[in-house]
């Protein structure tokens, strides 16, 4: 527990089907004091998703280059791995299948299909 005036960095991770469409997202976090529920603070930010996660090289089309990018990190685990398209912390067959599922499609086609 932090004392008054102290601060700590906190990281939140959203996994699953969040942020799969291009566009702006508003993210709001509310923190409430553990010792006094009448004390809370709210933080709001807007983030923009500019490319779909399956287009690893952001060239606008999901193709062999994206599959190779996942394959090059296959078996690795940790944070900030570009090949971890489902954001579960490990690059594995699920990531390869996710990219392969959109193989040959453009970002525009994917966005249009998800609207």
C-alpha atoms as a PDB file:
ATOM      1  CA  UNK A   1       0.000   0.000   0.000  1.00  0.00           C
ATOM      2  CA  UNK A   2       1.293   3.463  -0.857  1.00  0.00           C
ATOM      3  CA  UNK A   3       1.543   6.284   1.625  1.00  0.00           C
ATOM      4  CA  UNK A   4       0.010   9.656   0.879  1.00  0.00           C
ATOM      5  CA  UNK A   5       1.967  11.437  -1.834  1.00  0.00           C
ATOM      6  CA  UNK A   6       3.641   8.282  -3.140  1.00  0.00           C
ATOM      7  CA  UNK A   7       3.077   7.021  -6.631  1.00  0.00           C
ATOM      8  CA  UNK A   8       3.480   3.781  -8.521  1.00  0.00           C
ATOM      9  CA  UNK A   9       3.415   2.802 -12.163  1.00  0.00           C
ATOM     10  CA  UNK A  10       0.616   0.394 -13.029  1.00  0.00           C
ATOM     11  CA  UNK A  11       0.265  -1.454 -16.341  1.00  0.00           C
ATOM     12  CA  UNK A  12      -3.043  -2.819 -17.583  1.00  0.00           C
ATOM     13  CA  UNK A  13      -3.234  -5.397 -20.334  1.00  0.00           C
ATOM     14  CA  UNK A  14      -6.359  -6.166 -22.326  1.00  0.00           C
ATOM     15  CA  UNK A  15      -6.358  -9.521 -24.059  1.00  0.00           C
ATOM     16  CA  UNK A  16      -8.917 -11.265 -26.151  1.00  0.00           C
ATOM     17  CA  UNK A  17     -11.037  -9.644 -28.820  1.00  0.00           C
ATOM     18  CA  UNK A  18     -10.501  -6.077 -27.603  1.00  0.00           C
ATOM     19  CA  UNK A  19      -9.311  -3.414 -30.036  1.00  0.00           C
ATOM     20  CA  UNK A  20      -9.682  -5.538 -33.160  1.00  0.00           C
ATOM     21  CA  UNK A  21     -11.342  -2.769 -35.177  1.00  0.00           C
ATOM     22  CA  UNK A  22      -9.511   0.292 -36.421  1.00  0.00           C
ATOM     23  CA  UNK A  23     -10.462   3.631 -34.908  1.00  0.00           C
ATOM     24  CA  UNK A  24     -10.491   5.540 -31.654  1.00  0.00           C
ATOM     25  CA  UNK A  25     -11.134   3.953 -28.277  1.00  0.00           C
ATOM     26  CA  UNK A  26     -11.833   5.742 -25.022  1.00  0.00           C
ATOM     27  CA  UNK A  27     -10.268   4.007 -22.029  1.00  0.00           C
ATOM     28  CA  UNK A  28     -11.338   4.980 -18.514  1.00  0.00           C
ATOM     29  CA  UNK A  29      -9.745   3.707 -15.304  1.00  0.00           C
ATOM     30  CA  UNK A  30     -11.214   4.386 -11.878  1.00  0.00           C
ATOM     31  CA  UNK A  31      -9.022   3.870  -8.813  1.00  0.00           C
ATOM     32  CA  UNK A  32     -10.578   3.703  -5.354  1.00  0.00           C
ATOM     33  CA  UNK A  33      -8.687   3.885  -2.080  1.00  0.00           C
ATOM     34  CA  UNK A  34      -8.613   0.508  -0.363  1.00  0.00           C
ATOM     35  CA  UNK A  35      -8.930   2.120   3.056  1.00  0.00           C
ATOM     36  CA  UNK A  36     -11.572   4.731   2.173  1.00  0.00           C
ATOM     37  CA  UNK A  37     -14.006   3.969  -0.619  1.00  0.00           C
ATOM     38  CA  UNK A  38     -15.134   7.604  -0.693  1.00  0.00           C
ATOM     39  CA  UNK A  39     -11.758   8.541  -2.191  1.00  0.00           C
ATOM     40  CA  UNK A  40     -11.386   7.732  -5.850  1.00  0.00           C
ATOM     41  CA  UNK A  41      -9.838   9.130  -9.004  1.00  0.00           C
ATOM     42  CA  UNK A  42     -10.691   8.613 -12.641  1.00  0.00           C
ATOM     43  CA  UNK A  43      -8.298   8.740 -15.575  1.00  0.00           C
ATOM     44  CA  UNK A  44      -9.513   8.811 -19.170  1.00  0.00           C
ATOM     45  CA  UNK A  45      -7.476   8.576 -22.344  1.00  0.00           C
ATOM     46  CA  UNK A  46      -8.207   8.057 -26.010  1.00  0.00           C
ATOM     47  CA  UNK A  47      -6.094   5.707 -28.090  1.00  0.00           C
ATOM     48  CA  UNK A  48      -6.204   5.083 -31.807  1.00  0.00           C
ATOM     49  CA  UNK A  49      -5.775   1.678 -33.407  1.00  0.00           C
ATOM     50  CA  UNK A  50      -4.284   2.331 -36.837  1.00  0.00           C
ATOM     51  CA  UNK A  51      -3.657  -1.201 -38.065  1.00  0.00           C
ATOM     52  CA  UNK A  52      -5.085  -4.639 -37.459  1.00  0.00           C
ATOM     53  CA  UNK A  53      -2.885  -6.906 -35.302  1.00  0.00           C
ATOM     54  CA  UNK A  54      -2.510  -9.537 -38.033  1.00  0.00           C
ATOM     55  CA  UNK A  55      -0.717  -7.101 -40.381  1.00  0.00           C
ATOM     56  CA  UNK A  56       2.569  -7.203 -38.497  1.00  0.00           C
ATOM     57  CA  UNK A  57       4.558  -5.138 -40.985  1.00  0.00           C
ATOM     58  CA  UNK A  58       1.677  -2.644 -41.468  1.00  0.00           C
ATOM     59  CA  UNK A  59       1.802  -2.792 -45.258  1.00  0.00           C
ATOM     60  CA  UNK A  60      -1.992  -2.983 -45.530  1.00  0.00           C
ATOM     61  CA  UNK A  61      -2.280  -6.664 -46.461  1.00  0.00           C
ATOM     62  CA  UNK A  62      -1.924  -9.871 -44.500  1.00  0.00           C
ATOM     63  CA  UNK A  63       0.509 -12.046 -46.440  1.00  0.00           C
ATOM     64  CA  UNK A  64       3.499 -14.370 -46.172  1.00  0.00           C
ATOM     65  CA  UNK A  65       5.626 -11.608 -44.643  1.00  0.00           C
ATOM     66  CA  UNK A  66       3.274 -11.465 -41.665  1.00  0.00           C
ATOM     67  CA  UNK A  67       3.316 -15.251 -41.247  1.00  0.00           C
ATOM     68  CA  UNK A  68       7.126 -15.233 -41.376  1.00  0.00           C
ATOM     69  CA  UNK A  69       7.236 -12.485 -38.721  1.00  0.00           C
ATOM     70  CA  UNK A  70       5.184 -14.697 -36.388  1.00  0.00           C
ATOM     71  CA  UNK A  71       7.242 -17.789 -37.264  1.00  0.00           C
ATOM     72  CA  UNK A  72      10.475 -15.933 -36.453  1.00  0.00           C
ATOM     73  CA  UNK A  73       9.277 -15.425 -32.876  1.00  0.00           C
ATOM     74  CA  UNK A  74       7.603 -18.831 -32.523  1.00  0.00           C
ATOM     75  CA  UNK A  75       8.057 -20.218 -29.017  1.00  0.00           C
ATOM     76  CA  UNK A  76       9.128 -16.902 -27.495  1.00  0.00           C
ATOM     77  CA  UNK A  77       7.278 -15.483 -24.513  1.00  0.00           C
ATOM     78  CA  UNK A  78       7.199 -12.126 -22.815  1.00  0.00           C
ATOM     79  CA  UNK A  79       5.935  -8.611 -23.336  1.00  0.00           C
ATOM     80  CA  UNK A  80       5.857  -6.595 -26.554  1.00  0.00           C
ATOM     81  CA  UNK A  81       6.353  -9.451 -29.006  1.00  0.00           C
ATOM     82  CA  UNK A  82       4.984  -8.357 -32.377  1.00  0.00           C
ATOM     83  CA  UNK A  83       4.257 -11.978 -33.278  1.00  0.00           C
ATOM     84  CA  UNK A  84       1.984 -12.389 -30.253  1.00  0.00           C
ATOM     85  CA  UNK A  85      -1.096 -11.189 -32.136  1.00  0.00           C
ATOM     86  CA  UNK A  86      -3.561 -12.544 -29.565  1.00  0.00           C
ATOM     87  CA  UNK A  87      -1.600 -10.922 -26.719  1.00  0.00           C
ATOM     88  CA  UNK A  88      -1.477 -13.978 -24.455  1.00  0.00           C
ATOM     89  CA  UNK A  89       2.235 -13.581 -23.711  1.00  0.00           C
ATOM     90  CA  UNK A  90       3.561 -16.334 -25.973  1.00  0.00           C
ATOM     91  CA  UNK A  91       4.008 -16.698 -29.739  1.00  0.00           C
ATOM     92  CA  UNK A  92       2.534 -20.059 -30.648  1.00  0.00           C
ATOM     93  CA  UNK A  93       0.301 -21.893 -33.109  1.00  0.00           C
ATOM     94  CA  UNK A  94      -2.683 -19.743 -32.118  1.00  0.00           C
ATOM     95  CA  UNK A  95      -0.887 -16.664 -33.419  1.00  0.00           C
ATOM     96  CA  UNK A  96       0.032 -18.397 -36.686  1.00  0.00           C
ATOM     97  CA  UNK A  97      -3.566 -19.534 -37.164  1.00  0.00           C
ATOM     98  CA  UNK A  98      -4.889 -16.026 -36.415  1.00  0.00           C
ATOM     99  CA  UNK A  99      -2.672 -14.502 -39.117  1.00  0.00           C
ATOM    100  CA  UNK A 100      -3.417 -17.345 -41.546  1.00  0.00           C
ATOM    101  CA  UNK A 101      -7.144 -16.776 -40.991  1.00  0.00           C
ATOM    102  CA  UNK A 102      -6.801 -13.341 -42.632  1.00  0.00           C
ATOM    103  CA  UNK A 103      -4.202 -14.361 -45.228  1.00  0.00           C
ATOM    104  CA  UNK A 104      -4.644 -12.443 -48.492  1.00  0.00           C
ATOM    105  CA  UNK A 105      -7.020  -9.877 -47.001  1.00  0.00           C
ATOM    106  CA  UNK A 106      -6.365  -6.159 -46.812  1.00  0.00           C
ATOM    107  CA  UNK A 107      -6.871  -4.076 -43.705  1.00  0.00           C
ATOM    108  CA  UNK A 108      -9.757  -2.319 -45.459  1.00  0.00           C
ATOM    109  CA  UNK A 109     -11.495  -5.659 -46.146  1.00  0.00           C
ATOM    110  CA  UNK A 110     -11.089  -6.748 -42.545  1.00  0.00           C
ATOM    111  CA  UNK A 111     -12.379  -3.457 -41.164  1.00  0.00           C
ATOM    112  CA  UNK A 112     -15.364  -3.487 -43.537  1.00  0.00           C
ATOM    113  CA  UNK A 113     -16.227  -7.070 -42.550  1.00  0.00           C
ATOM    114  CA  UNK A 114     -16.108  -6.162 -38.837  1.00  0.00           C
ATOM    115  CA  UNK A 115     -18.323  -3.095 -39.031  1.00  0.00           C
END
